[in-house]
Each structure stands twice: as C-alpha cells, then as structure tokens.
Amino acid sequence: MDLHNETVINVAALLRDQLGSSRTLPLALERFVLDDGLVARDFVGEVRLTRLTDEILTSVKGSATVELECQRCLELFIQPVSVRFSEEFRIAFDVRTGAGLGIAAGDDEFEISAAHELDIGEPLRQEIVIELPMRPSCGEGCPGPPAIAADETEEQADERLAVLAALLKENGNES
C-alpha cells in the first residue's frame, strides 16, 4: 500500500497482528496545506507503523518544500524542510467487535477511529510548521536590509544600560 496524496491509513490488519508487528509505507504528498496561505509541496518520505499494547506507534520521516516570504526583502523563496518524528495513536475501538474501549482521549492525544483508521495529517502539519524558520530569509544574497547579528544587539543593550551599570558600581553593587 502506498500513501499518495493521502494521510489516512487503515490499520485494521495491523491491529489483528501480534504486538511488535510493523509495516513501513512510502508517503508522497504533492500539496499539503499547513495553514492559510502556507502549503508544503512535494513531501516524500515514509511511515512506519508499530503495533503496541494500547496504541500504534507511528514514525514518520521525510522532506518537502515550503514557499515563504523573506523577512528582509519580502520576496518569495523556496525553503526545504525535513521532519522526523514519532506519534502514538491510541486504540479506541476493538478491531474484532467494533465496540468502544471506553478510554477517554486527552486533548493532546491522537486516536484510531471507529473505522480503524489513523490520520497522520495533523501531527505531520505540526512538525513541518515547527521546522520552519521563525525569521525566513532567502539567503546571504538577499537584496533587503542587512540582518542584525545577535552580538550587535547585545552591544547596543550594554551601551544603553551603561548609566545604570555606573550607578551600581558607585553604590558598591558590582556584579
């Protein structure tokens, strides 16, 4: 089974297997929406599913590209992104009877549906968004204003607080 432009996986057969059983599936997503106006393109990777006692451990690794706007020059550029993560999907329904197991899911837990499917879409979206740079920049050749280095910012802060430092020294509170 290949996952092409699909993030939902039917795990009924894996739920019937013994503990420790696993499957590895290739994953390819041409277009994966992350947020309003933010799309990952050409995601290629794999999903490994491992049967545990009360859950299925899903390990995902892969890479994609995301079109971002440079913070300095405001031009669009392509940002490569790689992700590697594991997520647990709680078993909520018995695979043989279809009965609910009566275990309440927490807010941050993912669970397998009554149709014995899990959807890796939301954890994948979260991981890709986390991997994006906080301050997107198209690179060293950016025609925008120069980036301010962290050291320069610290020196400016020291100069502005020099008067306070002098007062501390006068009062004998050197630190």
C-alpha atoms as a PDB file:
ATOM      1  CA  MET A   1       0.000   0.000   0.000  1.00  0.00           C
ATOM      2  CA  ASP A   2       1.353   3.417  -0.973  1.00  0.00           C
ATOM      3  CA  LEU A   3       0.178   6.679   0.538  1.00  0.00           C
ATOM      4  CA  HIS A   4      -0.098   9.045  -2.413  1.00  0.00           C
ATOM      5  CA  ASN A   5      -1.779  12.354  -1.531  1.00  0.00           C
ATOM      6  CA  GLU A   6      -3.413  10.662   1.448  1.00  0.00           C
ATOM      7  CA  THR A   7      -2.668  10.884   5.175  1.00  0.00           C
ATOM      8  CA  VAL A   8      -5.327   8.446   6.412  1.00  0.00           C
ATOM      9  CA  ILE A   9      -4.136   4.869   6.960  1.00  0.00           C
ATOM     10  CA  ASN A  10      -6.350   1.854   7.632  1.00  0.00           C
ATOM     11  CA  VAL A  11      -4.673  -0.148  10.383  1.00  0.00           C
ATOM     12  CA  ALA A  12      -7.288  -2.913  10.922  1.00  0.00           C
ATOM     13  CA  ALA A  13      -4.913  -5.664   9.718  1.00  0.00           C
ATOM     14  CA  LEU A  14      -2.099  -4.368  11.932  1.00  0.00           C
ATOM     15  CA  LEU A  15      -4.443  -4.287  14.951  1.00  0.00           C
ATOM     16  CA  ARG A  16      -5.108  -8.015  14.444  1.00  0.00           C
ATOM     17  CA  ASP A  17      -1.379  -8.811  14.340  1.00  0.00           C
ATOM     18  CA  GLN A  18       0.724  -9.637  17.378  1.00  0.00           C
ATOM     19  CA  LEU A  19       2.429  -6.992  19.492  1.00  0.00           C
ATOM     20  CA  GLY A  20       5.575  -5.648  17.889  1.00  0.00           C
ATOM     21  CA  SER A  21       4.353  -6.188  14.316  1.00  0.00           C
ATOM     22  CA  SER A  22       5.151  -3.321  11.982  1.00  0.00           C
ATOM     23  CA  ARG A  23       4.568  -2.004   8.479  1.00  0.00           C
ATOM     24  CA  THR A  24       6.505   0.584   6.504  1.00  0.00           C
ATOM     25  CA  LEU A  25       4.678   2.592   3.854  1.00  0.00           C
ATOM     26  CA  PRO A  26       6.002   5.157   1.387  1.00  0.00           C
ATOM     27  CA  LEU A  27       4.361   8.572   1.697  1.00  0.00           C
ATOM     28  CA  ALA A  28       4.090  11.140  -1.121  1.00  0.00           C
ATOM     29  CA  LEU A  29       2.048  14.337  -0.869  1.00  0.00           C
ATOM     30  CA  GLU A  30       2.066  16.726  -3.817  1.00  0.00           C
ATOM     31  CA  ARG A  31       0.334  19.532  -1.880  1.00  0.00           C
ATOM     32  CA  PHE A  32      -0.180  19.565   1.886  1.00  0.00           C
ATOM     33  CA  VAL A  33      -1.935  22.566   3.457  1.00  0.00           C
ATOM     34  CA  LEU A  34      -0.239  23.775   6.651  1.00  0.00           C
ATOM     35  CA  ASP A  35      -2.190  26.981   7.319  1.00  0.00           C
ATOM     36  CA  ASP A  36      -3.952  29.770   5.442  1.00  0.00           C
ATOM     37  CA  GLY A  37      -1.677  30.568   2.509  1.00  0.00           C
ATOM     38  CA  LEU A  38       1.027  28.155   3.684  1.00  0.00           C
ATOM     39  CA  VAL A  39       1.494  24.928   1.725  1.00  0.00           C
ATOM     40  CA  ALA A  40       4.126  22.199   1.792  1.00  0.00           C
ATOM     41  CA  ARG A  41       4.825  20.780  -1.653  1.00  0.00           C
ATOM     42  CA  ASP A  42       6.308  17.511  -2.846  1.00  0.00           C
ATOM     43  CA  PHE A  43       6.539  15.794   0.531  1.00  0.00           C
ATOM     44  CA  VAL A  44       8.339  12.472   0.095  1.00  0.00           C
ATOM     45  CA  GLY A  45       9.046  10.091   2.930  1.00  0.00           C
ATOM     46  CA  GLU A  46       7.899   7.014   4.741  1.00  0.00           C
ATOM     47  CA  VAL A  47       5.646   6.000   7.612  1.00  0.00           C
ATOM     48  CA  ARG A  48       6.479   3.114   9.931  1.00  0.00           C
ATOM     49  CA  LEU A  49       3.609   1.711  11.990  1.00  0.00           C
ATOM     50  CA  THR A  50       4.352  -0.485  15.018  1.00  0.00           C
ATOM     51  CA  ARG A  51       1.677  -2.359  16.993  1.00  0.00           C
ATOM     52  CA  LEU A  52       1.950  -1.769  20.740  1.00  0.00           C
ATOM     53  CA  THR A  53      -0.357  -2.870  23.570  1.00  0.00           C
ATOM     54  CA  ASP A  54      -2.822   0.042  23.612  1.00  0.00           C
ATOM     55  CA  GLU A  55      -1.640   2.054  20.635  1.00  0.00           C
ATOM     56  CA  ILE A  56       0.123   2.166  17.326  1.00  0.00           C
ATOM     57  CA  LEU A  57       3.425   3.999  17.250  1.00  0.00           C
ATOM     58  CA  THR A  58       3.717   5.961  14.041  1.00  0.00           C
ATOM     59  CA  SER A  59       7.196   7.074  12.970  1.00  0.00           C
ATOM     60  CA  VAL A  60       7.374   9.491  10.059  1.00  0.00           C
ATOM     61  CA  LYS A  61      10.383  10.848   8.220  1.00  0.00           C
ATOM     62  CA  GLY A  62      10.533  12.830   5.033  1.00  0.00           C
ATOM     63  CA  SER A  63      11.162  16.141   3.334  1.00  0.00           C
ATOM     64  CA  ALA A  64       9.230  18.805   1.452  1.00  0.00           C
ATOM     65  CA  THR A  65       9.484  22.396   0.300  1.00  0.00           C
ATOM     66  CA  VAL A  66       7.501  25.383   1.528  1.00  0.00           C
ATOM     67  CA  GLU A  67       7.217  28.733  -0.220  1.00  0.00           C
ATOM     68  CA  LEU A  68       7.916  31.501   2.306  1.00  0.00           C
ATOM     69  CA  GLU A  69       8.250  35.273   2.185  1.00  0.00           C
ATOM     70  CA  CYS A  70      11.690  36.613   3.076  1.00  0.00           C
ATOM     71  CA  GLN A  71      11.513  38.827   6.153  1.00  0.00           C
ATOM     72  CA  ARG A  72      14.165  41.181   4.776  1.00  0.00           C
ATOM     73  CA  CYS A  73      13.327  41.672   1.071  1.00  0.00           C
ATOM     74  CA  LEU A  74       9.680  40.429   1.061  1.00  0.00           C
ATOM     75  CA  GLU A  75      10.329  38.203  -1.965  1.00  0.00           C
ATOM     76  CA  LEU A  76       9.033  34.640  -2.080  1.00  0.00           C
ATOM     77  CA  PHE A  77      11.569  31.807  -1.870  1.00  0.00           C
ATOM     78  CA  ILE A  78      11.537  28.024  -1.542  1.00  0.00           C
ATOM     79  CA  GLN A  79      12.500  26.669   1.904  1.00  0.00           C
ATOM     80  CA  PRO A  80      13.443  22.965   2.118  1.00  0.00           C
ATOM     81  CA  VAL A  81      12.105  21.234   5.241  1.00  0.00           C
ATOM     82  CA  SER A  82      12.913  17.823   6.731  1.00  0.00           C
ATOM     83  CA  VAL A  83      10.946  16.150   9.506  1.00  0.00           C
ATOM     84  CA  ARG A  84      11.462  13.077  11.622  1.00  0.00           C
ATOM     85  CA  PHE A  85       9.049  12.334  14.455  1.00  0.00           C
ATOM     86  CA  SER A  86       7.053   9.650  16.236  1.00  0.00           C
ATOM     87  CA  GLU A  87       3.470   9.889  17.428  1.00  0.00           C
ATOM     88  CA  GLU A  88       1.279   7.459  19.343  1.00  0.00           C
ATOM     89  CA  PHE A  89      -2.286   6.765  18.203  1.00  0.00           C
ATOM     90  CA  ARG A  90      -4.440   5.298  20.954  1.00  0.00           C
ATOM     91  CA  ILE A  91      -6.656   2.317  20.138  1.00  0.00           C
ATOM     92  CA  ALA A  92     -10.220   3.468  20.931  1.00  0.00           C
ATOM     93  CA  PHE A  93     -12.260   0.641  19.350  1.00  0.00           C
ATOM     94  CA  ASP A  94     -11.897  -3.130  19.450  1.00  0.00           C
ATOM     95  CA  VAL A  95     -10.916  -4.335  15.972  1.00  0.00           C
ATOM     96  CA  ARG A  96     -12.921  -7.571  16.228  1.00  0.00           C
ATOM     97  CA  THR A  97     -16.186  -6.259  17.728  1.00  0.00           C
ATOM     98  CA  GLY A  98     -16.080  -2.561  16.870  1.00  0.00           C
ATOM     99  CA  ALA A  99     -17.044  -1.715  20.461  1.00  0.00           C
ATOM    100  CA  GLY A 100     -15.579   1.372  22.052  1.00  0.00           C
ATOM    101  CA  LEU A 101     -12.973   0.677  24.707  1.00  0.00           C
ATOM    102  CA  GLY A 102     -14.267   3.475  26.950  1.00  0.00           C
ATOM    103  CA  ILE A 103     -10.925   5.164  27.386  1.00  0.00           C
ATOM    104  CA  ALA A 104     -11.240   8.950  27.234  1.00  0.00           C
ATOM    105  CA  ALA A 105      -8.703  10.613  24.968  1.00  0.00           C
ATOM    106  CA  GLY A 106      -6.700  13.538  26.278  1.00  0.00           C
ATOM    107  CA  ASP A 107      -6.573  16.841  24.414  1.00  0.00           C
ATOM    108  CA  ASP A 108      -3.103  16.170  23.052  1.00  0.00           C
ATOM    109  CA  GLU A 109      -3.688  12.519  22.158  1.00  0.00           C
ATOM    110  CA  PHE A 110      -4.476  11.134  18.737  1.00  0.00           C
ATOM    111  CA  GLU A 111      -6.689   8.098  18.421  1.00  0.00           C
ATOM    112  CA  ILE A 112      -7.630   5.483  15.877  1.00  0.00           C
ATOM    113  CA  SER A 113     -11.174   5.963  14.525  1.00  0.00           C
ATOM    114  CA  ALA A 114     -14.085   3.517  14.670  1.00  0.00           C
ATOM    115  CA  ALA A 115     -13.217   2.593  11.065  1.00  0.00           C
ATOM    116  CA  HIS A 116      -9.743   1.559  12.345  1.00  0.00           C
ATOM    117  CA  GLU A 117      -8.015   4.423  10.566  1.00  0.00           C
ATOM    118  CA  LEU A 118      -5.429   6.837  11.829  1.00  0.00           C
ATOM    119  CA  ASP A 119      -4.686  10.186  10.248  1.00  0.00           C
ATOM    120  CA  ILE A 120      -1.085  11.386  10.368  1.00  0.00           C
ATOM    121  CA  GLY A 121      -2.116  14.715   8.802  1.00  0.00           C
ATOM    122  CA  GLU A 122      -2.280  16.831  11.970  1.00  0.00           C
ATOM    123  CA  PRO A 123       0.952  15.635  13.595  1.00  0.00           C
ATOM    124  CA  LEU A 124       2.722  15.982  10.227  1.00  0.00           C
ATOM    125  CA  ARG A 125       1.365  19.527   9.816  1.00  0.00           C
ATOM    126  CA  GLN A 126       2.527  20.463  13.327  1.00  0.00           C
ATOM    127  CA  GLU A 127       6.023  19.071  12.772  1.00  0.00           C
ATOM    128  CA  ILE A 128       6.510  20.838   9.433  1.00  0.00           C
ATOM    129  CA  VAL A 129       5.347  24.171  10.889  1.00  0.00           C
ATOM    130  CA  ILE A 130       7.750  23.767  13.823  1.00  0.00           C
ATOM    131  CA  GLU A 131      10.637  23.171  11.396  1.00  0.00           C
ATOM    132  CA  LEU A 132      10.014  26.418   9.503  1.00  0.00           C
ATOM    133  CA  PRO A 133      12.357  29.291  10.393  1.00  0.00           C
ATOM    134  CA  MET A 134      10.958  31.966  12.703  1.00  0.00           C
ATOM    135  CA  ARG A 135      12.589  34.655  10.585  1.00  0.00           C
ATOM    136  CA  PRO A 136      12.508  33.438   6.985  1.00  0.00           C
ATOM    137  CA  SER A 137      15.396  34.700   4.874  1.00  0.00           C
ATOM    138  CA  CYS A 138      16.127  33.932   1.240  1.00  0.00           C
ATOM    139  CA  GLY A 139      19.844  33.654   1.989  1.00  0.00           C
ATOM    140  CA  GLU A 140      23.114  35.551   2.091  1.00  0.00           C
ATOM    141  CA  GLY A 141      22.480  37.174  -1.288  1.00  0.00           C
ATOM    142  CA  CYS A 142      19.275  38.823  -0.048  1.00  0.00           C
ATOM    143  CA  PRO A 143      18.887  42.322  -1.534  1.00  0.00           C
ATOM    144  CA  GLY A 144      16.993  43.531   1.558  1.00  0.00           C
ATOM    145  CA  PRO A 145      18.416  45.445   4.513  1.00  0.00           C
ATOM    146  CA  PRO A 146      21.279  43.698   6.316  1.00  0.00           C
ATOM    147  CA  ALA A 147      20.419  41.317   9.115  1.00  0.00           C
ATOM    148  CA  ILE A 148      21.302  42.428  12.630  1.00  0.00           C
ATOM    149  CA  ALA A 149      23.580  39.950  14.330  1.00  0.00           C
ATOM    150  CA  ALA A 150      22.825  38.875  17.895  1.00  0.00           C
ATOM    151  CA  ASP A 151      26.178  40.267  19.091  1.00  0.00           C
ATOM    152  CA  GLU A 152      25.363  43.729  17.742  1.00  0.00           C
ATOM    153  CA  THR A 153      22.052  43.721  19.608  1.00  0.00           C
ATOM    154  CA  GLU A 154      23.775  42.798  22.879  1.00  0.00           C
ATOM    155  CA  GLU A 155      26.340  45.603  22.475  1.00  0.00           C
ATOM    156  CA  GLN A 156      23.568  48.138  21.892  1.00  0.00           C
ATOM    157  CA  ALA A 157      21.783  46.979  25.029  1.00  0.00           C
ATOM    158  CA  ASP A 158      25.004  47.298  27.049  1.00  0.00           C
ATOM    159  CA  GLU A 159      25.560  50.884  25.841  1.00  0.00           C
ATOM    160  CA  ARG A 160      22.040  51.926  26.794  1.00  0.00           C
ATOM    161  CA  LEU A 161      22.421  50.459  30.255  1.00  0.00           C
ATOM    162  CA  ALA A 162      25.899  51.889  30.868  1.00  0.00           C
ATOM    163  CA  VAL A 163      24.489  54.650  33.110  1.00  0.00           C
ATOM    164  CA  LEU A 164      22.756  52.082  35.293  1.00  0.00           C
ATOM    165  CA  ALA A 165      25.928  49.999  35.474  1.00  0.00           C
ATOM    166  CA  ALA A 166      27.860  53.088  36.628  1.00  0.00           C
ATOM    167  CA  LEU A 167      25.299  53.730  39.382  1.00  0.00           C
ATOM    168  CA  LEU A 168      25.627  50.139  40.586  1.00  0.00           C
ATOM    169  CA  LYS A 169      29.405  50.459  40.729  1.00  0.00           C
ATOM    170  CA  GLU A 170      29.139  53.724  42.720  1.00  0.00           C
ATOM    171  CA  ASN A 171      26.913  52.003  45.305  1.00  0.00           C
ATOM    172  CA  GLY A 172      29.315  49.079  45.651  1.00  0.00           C
ATOM    173  CA  ASN A 173      26.993  46.552  43.998  1.00  0.00           C
ATOM    174  CA  GLU A 174      29.377  45.366  41.321  1.00  0.00           C
ATOM    175  CA  SER A 175      28.293  42.189  39.598  1.00  0.00           C
END
